[in-house]
Protein backbone atom coordinates (compact mmCIF):
# COMPACT_ATOMS: atom_id res chain seq x y z
CA MET A 1 124.60 89.72 76.96
CA MET A 2 121.96 90.55 76.55
CA ILE A 3 119.93 89.20 78.97
CA PHE A 4 122.60 91.60 80.90
CA LYS A 5 121.23 94.33 80.00
CA PHE A 6 117.49 93.88 80.38
CA ILE A 7 118.50 93.11 83.73
CA PHE A 8 120.18 96.08 84.53
CA LEU A 9 117.60 98.43 83.01
CA THR A 10 115.00 96.31 84.82
CA ILE A 11 116.66 97.28 88.25
CA ILE A 12 117.40 101.29 86.75
CA LEU A 13 113.32 101.77 86.12
CA PHE A 14 112.42 99.24 89.40
CA GLY A 15 114.82 101.46 91.91
CA THR A 16 114.11 105.29 90.74
CA SER A 17 110.38 103.92 90.68
CA TYR A 18 110.95 102.64 94.23
CA ILE A 19 113.13 106.03 94.66
CA GLY A 20 109.67 108.07 93.78
CA ILE A 21 107.44 106.21 95.66
CA LEU A 22 109.32 106.48 98.40
CA MET A 23 109.63 110.47 97.84
CA ALA A 24 105.59 110.24 97.94
CA LYS A 25 105.65 108.16 101.62
CA LYS A 26 106.54 111.12 103.08
CA TYR A 27 102.87 112.75 102.55
CA SER A 28 100.90 110.67 103.61
CA SER A 29 103.63 110.07 106.51
CA ARG A 30 102.97 113.79 107.94
CA VAL A 31 99.28 113.02 108.09
CA LYS A 32 98.94 110.32 109.61
CA ASP A 33 101.69 111.61 112.41
CA LEU A 34 99.59 115.11 112.55
CA LYS A 35 96.00 112.77 112.59
CA GLU A 36 98.21 110.49 115.45
CA MET A 37 98.90 113.25 117.48
CA ARG A 38 95.47 115.08 117.85
CA LYS A 39 94.58 112.24 119.12
CA ALA A 40 96.92 111.62 121.47
CA LEU A 41 96.08 115.15 122.96
CA ASN A 42 92.00 113.96 122.71
CA PHE A 43 93.60 111.32 125.13
CA PHE A 44 95.36 113.56 127.08
CA GLU A 45 92.75 116.12 128.02
CA ASP A 46 90.10 113.75 128.71
CA LYS A 47 92.49 112.05 130.95
CA ILE A 48 93.37 115.12 132.90
CA LYS A 49 90.23 116.66 133.00
CA PHE A 50 88.52 113.28 134.37
CA THR A 51 91.45 111.71 136.64
CA TYR A 52 93.79 113.34 138.02
CA GLU A 53 96.75 111.40 138.17
CA PRO A 54 99.99 113.33 137.46
CA ILE A 55 100.68 114.26 133.67
CA PRO A 56 104.06 111.49 133.01
CA ASP A 57 102.06 108.56 134.20
CA VAL A 58 98.84 110.42 131.15
CA PHE A 59 102.22 110.97 128.70
CA GLU A 60 103.48 106.55 130.08
CA GLU A 61 99.62 105.54 129.22
CA ILE A 62 99.65 107.75 125.87
CA SER A 63 102.77 106.16 124.93
CA SER A 64 101.86 102.88 125.00
CA LYS A 65 98.32 104.24 123.05
CA VAL A 66 99.63 105.45 119.59
CA ASN A 67 101.65 104.77 117.07
CA GLU A 68 105.32 104.99 117.74
CA ASN A 69 106.41 107.95 116.10
CA ILE A 70 103.88 110.10 118.66
CA GLY A 71 104.21 107.55 121.53
CA GLU A 72 108.27 107.97 121.41
CA ILE A 73 107.77 112.13 122.51
CA PHE A 74 105.01 110.94 125.31
CA LYS A 75 107.78 108.46 126.43
CA SER A 76 110.66 110.78 126.05
CA SER A 77 108.65 113.86 127.99
CA ALA A 78 107.62 111.45 130.14
CA ASN A 79 111.78 110.67 131.22
CA LEU A 80 112.81 113.91 130.86
CA MET A 81 109.98 115.01 133.52
CA GLN A 82 112.02 113.68 136.80
CA ASN A 83 114.79 116.34 136.07
CA GLU A 84 112.58 118.83 134.52
CA SER A 85 109.92 120.56 134.33
CA ALA A 86 107.01 119.95 132.05
CA GLY A 87 107.26 122.75 129.09
CA VAL A 88 111.03 122.33 129.23
CA SER A 89 111.15 118.24 128.66
CA TRP A 90 107.90 118.38 126.48
CA GLU A 91 110.13 120.35 124.22
CA LYS A 92 112.81 118.82 124.28
CA ALA A 93 110.94 115.10 124.02
CA VAL A 94 109.58 116.97 120.22
CA ASP A 95 112.62 118.93 119.36
CA ASN A 96 114.24 115.21 119.32
CA ALA A 97 112.11 112.74 117.40
CA ASN A 98 112.35 110.79 114.42
CA THR A 99 108.41 112.08 112.89
CA ASN A 100 107.19 113.66 109.85
CA PHE A 101 106.64 116.64 111.03
CA THR A 102 107.85 120.24 109.13
CA LYS A 103 108.93 122.59 111.08
CA GLU A 104 105.84 124.42 111.39
CA ASP A 105 103.85 121.49 112.08
CA ASN A 106 106.96 121.09 115.66
CA GLU A 107 105.80 124.54 116.42
CA ILE A 108 102.63 124.84 116.67
CA ILE A 109 103.56 121.35 119.02
CA LYS A 110 105.87 123.12 121.04
CA GLY A 111 103.54 125.66 121.74
CA LEU A 112 101.67 123.17 124.47
CA ALA A 113 104.89 123.71 126.76
CA LYS A 114 103.74 126.91 127.59
CA MET A 115 101.11 126.75 129.76
CA LEU A 116 102.15 122.10 129.85
CA GLY A 117 101.79 121.81 133.62
CA LYS A 118 101.57 125.23 135.23
CA THR A 119 98.45 126.27 135.12
CA ASP A 120 94.71 124.52 136.98
CA ILE A 121 93.26 122.16 134.78
CA ASP A 122 90.65 124.46 132.54
CA GLY A 123 94.47 126.33 131.20
CA GLN A 124 95.75 123.01 129.95
CA VAL A 125 92.28 122.08 129.09
CA SER A 126 92.23 125.31 126.54
CA GLU A 127 95.55 125.15 125.36
CA ILE A 128 95.22 121.27 124.33
CA ARG A 129 91.99 122.82 122.41
CA LEU A 130 93.78 125.57 120.82
CA THR A 131 97.12 123.66 119.76
CA ASN A 132 94.27 120.58 118.05
CA LYS A 133 92.51 123.76 117.21
CA PHE A 134 96.03 124.50 115.02
CA ILE A 135 97.12 120.58 113.90
CA ASP A 136 93.71 120.19 111.94
CA VAL A 137 94.70 123.33 110.23
CA GLN A 138 97.92 121.21 109.71
CA ILE A 139 96.18 117.79 109.09
CA LYS A 140 94.20 120.14 105.72
CA ASP A 141 97.29 121.72 104.73
CA ALA A 142 98.91 117.87 104.75
CA GLU A 143 96.48 115.94 103.24
CA ASN A 144 96.19 118.91 100.43
CA GLU A 145 99.79 118.70 99.99
CA LYS A 146 100.33 114.76 100.04
CA ASN A 147 96.84 115.36 97.27
CA ARG A 148 98.94 117.71 95.20
CA ASN A 149 102.50 115.73 95.59
CA GLU A 150 102.05 112.12 96.23
CA LYS A 151 101.14 111.66 92.77
CA LEU A 152 104.00 113.74 91.01
CA TYR A 153 106.19 111.90 92.15
CA LYS A 154 104.76 108.48 91.57
CA THR A 155 104.45 109.27 88.00
CA LEU A 156 108.21 111.69 88.11
CA GLY A 157 110.33 108.09 89.99
CA VAL A 158 108.61 106.27 86.76
CA THR A 159 109.10 108.82 84.34
CA VAL A 160 113.67 108.99 85.33
CA GLY A 161 113.39 105.65 85.35
CA LEU A 162 112.00 104.47 81.28
CA ALA A 163 114.24 107.89 80.29
CA ILE A 164 117.42 106.70 81.49
CA VAL A 165 116.29 102.92 80.12
CA ILE A 166 115.93 105.06 76.67
CA VAL A 167 118.63 107.06 76.71
CA LEU A 168 120.87 103.47 77.68
CA ILE A 169 119.39 102.07 75.01
């Protein structure tokens, strides 16, 4: 009987610790996704500046060069551009993406849709650079949030687990 109690308490402790780790992971995942988006936008800027390829082709290429979450935005947007304008398809792709972005991050990234495919190359490049500047600010905020909260959630998971174990003993 004592072995079952020990196993049960150990499972509780590891379970709450794991939950704390999962909650902490969302902060580092957001930073990673924002950095990937910045990388993808830099690639997009270079491609439209120097190759003059159509936006859907560039988005298809970008989707294969970045991580899955961000790549899905570009792939989905490229597919939607067959039936809709570049701006509308970009907004829909960002809205439907499975990323770790906050609402504010999404709004900044969707801001790119205002000029996407509507102006000349210089106008689009300036809009990409503006979006990248906003993303840089979001990355700094996300890193601060990560540093502040990641350790907190990990510690909280272990502490709650220990408290439950102590109460049940």
